[in-house]
């Protein structure tokens, strides 16, 4: 991962308190979800919300959102 994306990912994880016990792959999936929908949910996302939106075992899909 490039340094800029890694920096965004680290800041995202720190702001939501997500670092403990989460793989970088899953953390990126959460970050992708957050990036897509944050303007619609006023940045009021919790870890539980992100887990509920997980794509699970869908290979190559980091996130999906419908409006």
N, C-alpha and C. Protein backbone atom coordinates (compact mmCIF):
# COMPACT_ATOMS: atom_id res chain seq x y z
N UNK A 1 0.85 -1.17 0.00
CA UNK A 1 0.00 0.00 0.00
C UNK A 1 0.89 1.23 0.00
N UNK A 2 0.50 2.24 -0.78
CA UNK A 2 1.31 3.45 -0.84
C UNK A 2 1.19 4.24 0.48
N UNK A 3 2.14 5.13 0.70
CA UNK A 3 2.22 5.86 1.98
C UNK A 3 1.03 6.77 2.22
N UNK A 4 0.49 7.38 1.18
CA UNK A 4 -0.64 8.28 1.36
C UNK A 4 -1.88 7.50 1.79
N UNK A 5 -2.18 6.42 1.09
CA UNK A 5 -3.33 5.60 1.45
C UNK A 5 -3.15 5.02 2.84
N UNK A 6 -1.94 4.58 3.16
CA UNK A 6 -1.66 4.03 4.49
C UNK A 6 -1.90 5.08 5.56
N UNK A 7 -1.54 6.33 5.28
CA UNK A 7 -1.76 7.41 6.22
C UNK A 7 -3.26 7.64 6.46
N UNK A 8 -4.04 7.66 5.38
CA UNK A 8 -5.49 7.80 5.51
C UNK A 8 -6.08 6.64 6.31
N UNK A 9 -5.61 5.45 6.02
CA UNK A 9 -6.11 4.26 6.70
C UNK A 9 -5.78 4.30 8.19
N UNK A 10 -4.58 4.70 8.52
CA UNK A 10 -4.17 4.80 9.92
C UNK A 10 -4.99 5.86 10.66
N UNK A 11 -5.18 7.01 10.04
CA UNK A 11 -6.00 8.06 10.66
C UNK A 11 -7.44 7.60 10.86
N UNK A 12 -7.99 6.94 9.87
CA UNK A 12 -9.35 6.40 9.96
C UNK A 12 -9.46 5.43 11.12
N UNK A 13 -8.53 4.50 11.21
CA UNK A 13 -8.54 3.49 12.28
C UNK A 13 -8.41 4.15 13.64
N UNK A 14 -7.53 5.10 13.77
CA UNK A 14 -7.33 5.79 15.05
C UNK A 14 -8.57 6.59 15.45
N UNK A 15 -9.18 7.28 14.50
CA UNK A 15 -10.36 8.09 14.80
C UNK A 15 -11.55 7.26 15.26
N UNK A 16 -11.69 6.05 14.72
CA UNK A 16 -12.80 5.19 15.12
C UNK A 16 -12.40 4.13 16.14
N UNK A 17 -11.13 4.12 16.53
CA UNK A 17 -10.66 3.14 17.51
C UNK A 17 -10.72 1.72 16.99
N UNK A 18 -10.33 1.50 15.75
CA UNK A 18 -10.49 0.19 15.11
C UNK A 18 -9.24 -0.68 15.06
N UNK A 19 -8.12 -0.20 15.46
CA UNK A 19 -6.85 -0.90 15.22
C UNK A 19 -6.76 -2.28 15.89
N UNK A 20 -7.24 -2.44 17.08
CA UNK A 20 -7.01 -3.67 17.84
C UNK A 20 -7.67 -4.89 17.20
N UNK A 21 -6.86 -5.84 16.78
CA UNK A 21 -7.35 -7.14 16.31
C UNK A 21 -7.97 -7.17 14.92
N UNK A 22 -7.84 -6.12 14.14
CA UNK A 22 -8.42 -6.09 12.80
C UNK A 22 -7.31 -6.17 11.77
N UNK A 23 -7.45 -7.09 10.82
CA UNK A 23 -6.44 -7.22 9.76
C UNK A 23 -6.48 -5.99 8.86
N UNK A 24 -5.36 -5.73 8.19
CA UNK A 24 -5.30 -4.60 7.29
C UNK A 24 -6.31 -4.74 6.16
N UNK A 25 -6.55 -5.95 5.69
CA UNK A 25 -7.53 -6.17 4.62
C UNK A 25 -8.93 -5.76 5.06
N UNK A 26 -9.32 -6.19 6.26
CA UNK A 26 -10.65 -5.84 6.77
C UNK A 26 -10.73 -4.35 7.08
N UNK A 27 -9.67 -3.81 7.62
CA UNK A 27 -9.64 -2.38 7.90
C UNK A 27 -9.81 -1.57 6.62
N UNK A 28 -9.18 -2.01 5.54
CA UNK A 28 -9.35 -1.32 4.25
C UNK A 28 -10.77 -1.43 3.75
N UNK A 29 -11.41 -2.58 3.96
CA UNK A 29 -12.81 -2.75 3.58
C UNK A 29 -13.68 -1.75 4.33
N UNK A 30 -13.45 -1.59 5.63
CA UNK A 30 -14.19 -0.61 6.43
C UNK A 30 -13.93 0.81 5.92
N UNK A 31 -12.68 1.09 5.60
CA UNK A 31 -12.30 2.41 5.10
C UNK A 31 -13.00 2.71 3.78
N UNK A 32 -13.05 1.73 2.89
CA UNK A 32 -13.72 1.91 1.60
C UNK A 32 -15.21 2.20 1.82
N UNK A 33 -15.84 1.48 2.71
CA UNK A 33 -17.24 1.71 3.03
C UNK A 33 -17.44 3.11 3.58
N UNK A 34 -16.63 3.47 4.55
CA UNK A 34 -16.71 4.78 5.17
C UNK A 34 -16.53 5.90 4.15
N UNK A 35 -15.56 5.73 3.26
CA UNK A 35 -15.28 6.73 2.25
C UNK A 35 -16.48 6.96 1.34
N UNK A 36 -17.17 5.89 0.98
CA UNK A 36 -18.31 6.00 0.08
C UNK A 36 -19.54 6.63 0.73
N UNK A 37 -19.80 6.32 1.99
CA UNK A 37 -21.08 6.72 2.58
C UNK A 37 -20.99 7.80 3.66
N UNK A 38 -19.81 8.25 4.00
CA UNK A 38 -19.67 9.18 5.12
C UNK A 38 -20.45 10.48 4.94
N UNK A 39 -20.56 10.97 3.73
CA UNK A 39 -21.30 12.22 3.54
C UNK A 39 -22.80 12.02 3.72
N UNK A 40 -23.28 10.79 3.63
CA UNK A 40 -24.71 10.50 3.80
C UNK A 40 -25.08 10.18 5.24
N UNK A 41 -24.10 9.80 6.04
CA UNK A 41 -24.40 9.43 7.43
C UNK A 41 -23.79 10.41 8.43
N UNK A 42 -23.35 11.55 7.94
CA UNK A 42 -22.81 12.61 8.80
C UNK A 42 -21.68 12.13 9.70
N UNK A 43 -20.86 11.21 9.20
CA UNK A 43 -19.69 10.71 9.94
C UNK A 43 -20.05 10.03 11.26
N UNK A 44 -21.29 9.60 11.42
CA UNK A 44 -21.73 8.95 12.65
C UNK A 44 -21.70 7.43 12.53
N UNK A 45 -20.59 6.89 12.08
CA UNK A 45 -20.45 5.44 11.93
C UNK A 45 -19.71 4.85 13.13
N UNK A 46 -20.14 3.68 13.54
CA UNK A 46 -19.47 2.93 14.59
C UNK A 46 -18.91 1.66 13.99
N UNK A 47 -18.03 1.01 14.72
CA UNK A 47 -17.45 -0.26 14.25
C UNK A 47 -18.56 -1.26 13.95
N UNK A 48 -19.58 -1.32 14.78
CA UNK A 48 -20.69 -2.26 14.56
C UNK A 48 -21.40 -1.98 13.23
N UNK A 49 -21.53 -0.71 12.89
CA UNK A 49 -22.15 -0.36 11.62
C UNK A 49 -21.32 -0.87 10.45
N UNK A 50 -20.02 -0.70 10.55
CA UNK A 50 -19.12 -1.15 9.48
C UNK A 50 -19.13 -2.67 9.37
N UNK A 51 -19.17 -3.37 10.50
CA UNK A 51 -19.23 -4.83 10.47
C UNK A 51 -20.52 -5.31 9.81
N UNK A 52 -21.61 -4.61 10.04
CA UNK A 52 -22.90 -4.98 9.45
C UNK A 52 -22.90 -4.79 7.94
N UNK A 53 -22.05 -3.91 7.43
CA UNK A 53 -21.97 -3.65 5.99
C UNK A 53 -20.87 -4.43 5.31
N UNK A 54 -20.22 -5.33 6.00
CA UNK A 54 -19.11 -6.08 5.44
C UNK A 54 -19.55 -6.91 4.24
N UNK A 55 -18.67 -7.04 3.25
CA UNK A 55 -18.96 -7.89 2.09
C UNK A 55 -18.58 -9.34 2.35
N UNK A 56 -18.12 -9.62 3.56
CA UNK A 56 -17.81 -11.00 3.94
C UNK A 56 -16.72 -11.62 3.11
N UNK A 57 -17.04 -12.71 2.43
CA UNK A 57 -16.04 -13.45 1.67
C UNK A 57 -16.06 -13.14 0.17
N UNK A 58 -16.65 -12.02 -0.23
CA UNK A 58 -16.70 -11.65 -1.64
C UNK A 58 -15.30 -11.22 -2.09
N UNK A 59 -14.66 -12.05 -2.85
CA UNK A 59 -13.29 -11.77 -3.32
C UNK A 59 -13.26 -10.59 -4.28
N UNK A 60 -12.37 -9.64 -4.02
CA UNK A 60 -12.20 -8.50 -4.90
C UNK A 60 -13.19 -7.37 -4.69
N UNK A 61 -14.13 -7.53 -3.76
CA UNK A 61 -15.10 -6.48 -3.47
C UNK A 61 -14.80 -5.94 -2.08
N UNK A 62 -14.37 -4.68 -2.01
CA UNK A 62 -14.06 -4.08 -0.72
C UNK A 62 -15.30 -3.47 -0.08
N UNK A 63 -16.21 -2.99 -0.89
CA UNK A 63 -17.41 -2.38 -0.34
C UNK A 63 -18.43 -2.16 -1.44
N UNK A 64 -19.69 -2.04 -1.04
CA UNK A 64 -20.76 -1.74 -1.97
C UNK A 64 -21.80 -0.93 -1.20
N UNK A 65 -22.42 0.01 -1.89
CA UNK A 65 -23.41 0.87 -1.23
C UNK A 65 -24.49 1.23 -2.24
N UNK A 66 -25.73 1.31 -1.78
CA UNK A 66 -26.85 1.72 -2.60
C UNK A 66 -27.54 2.89 -1.95
N UNK A 67 -27.97 3.79 -2.75
CA UNK A 67 -28.68 4.95 -2.20
C UNK A 67 -30.06 4.99 -2.75
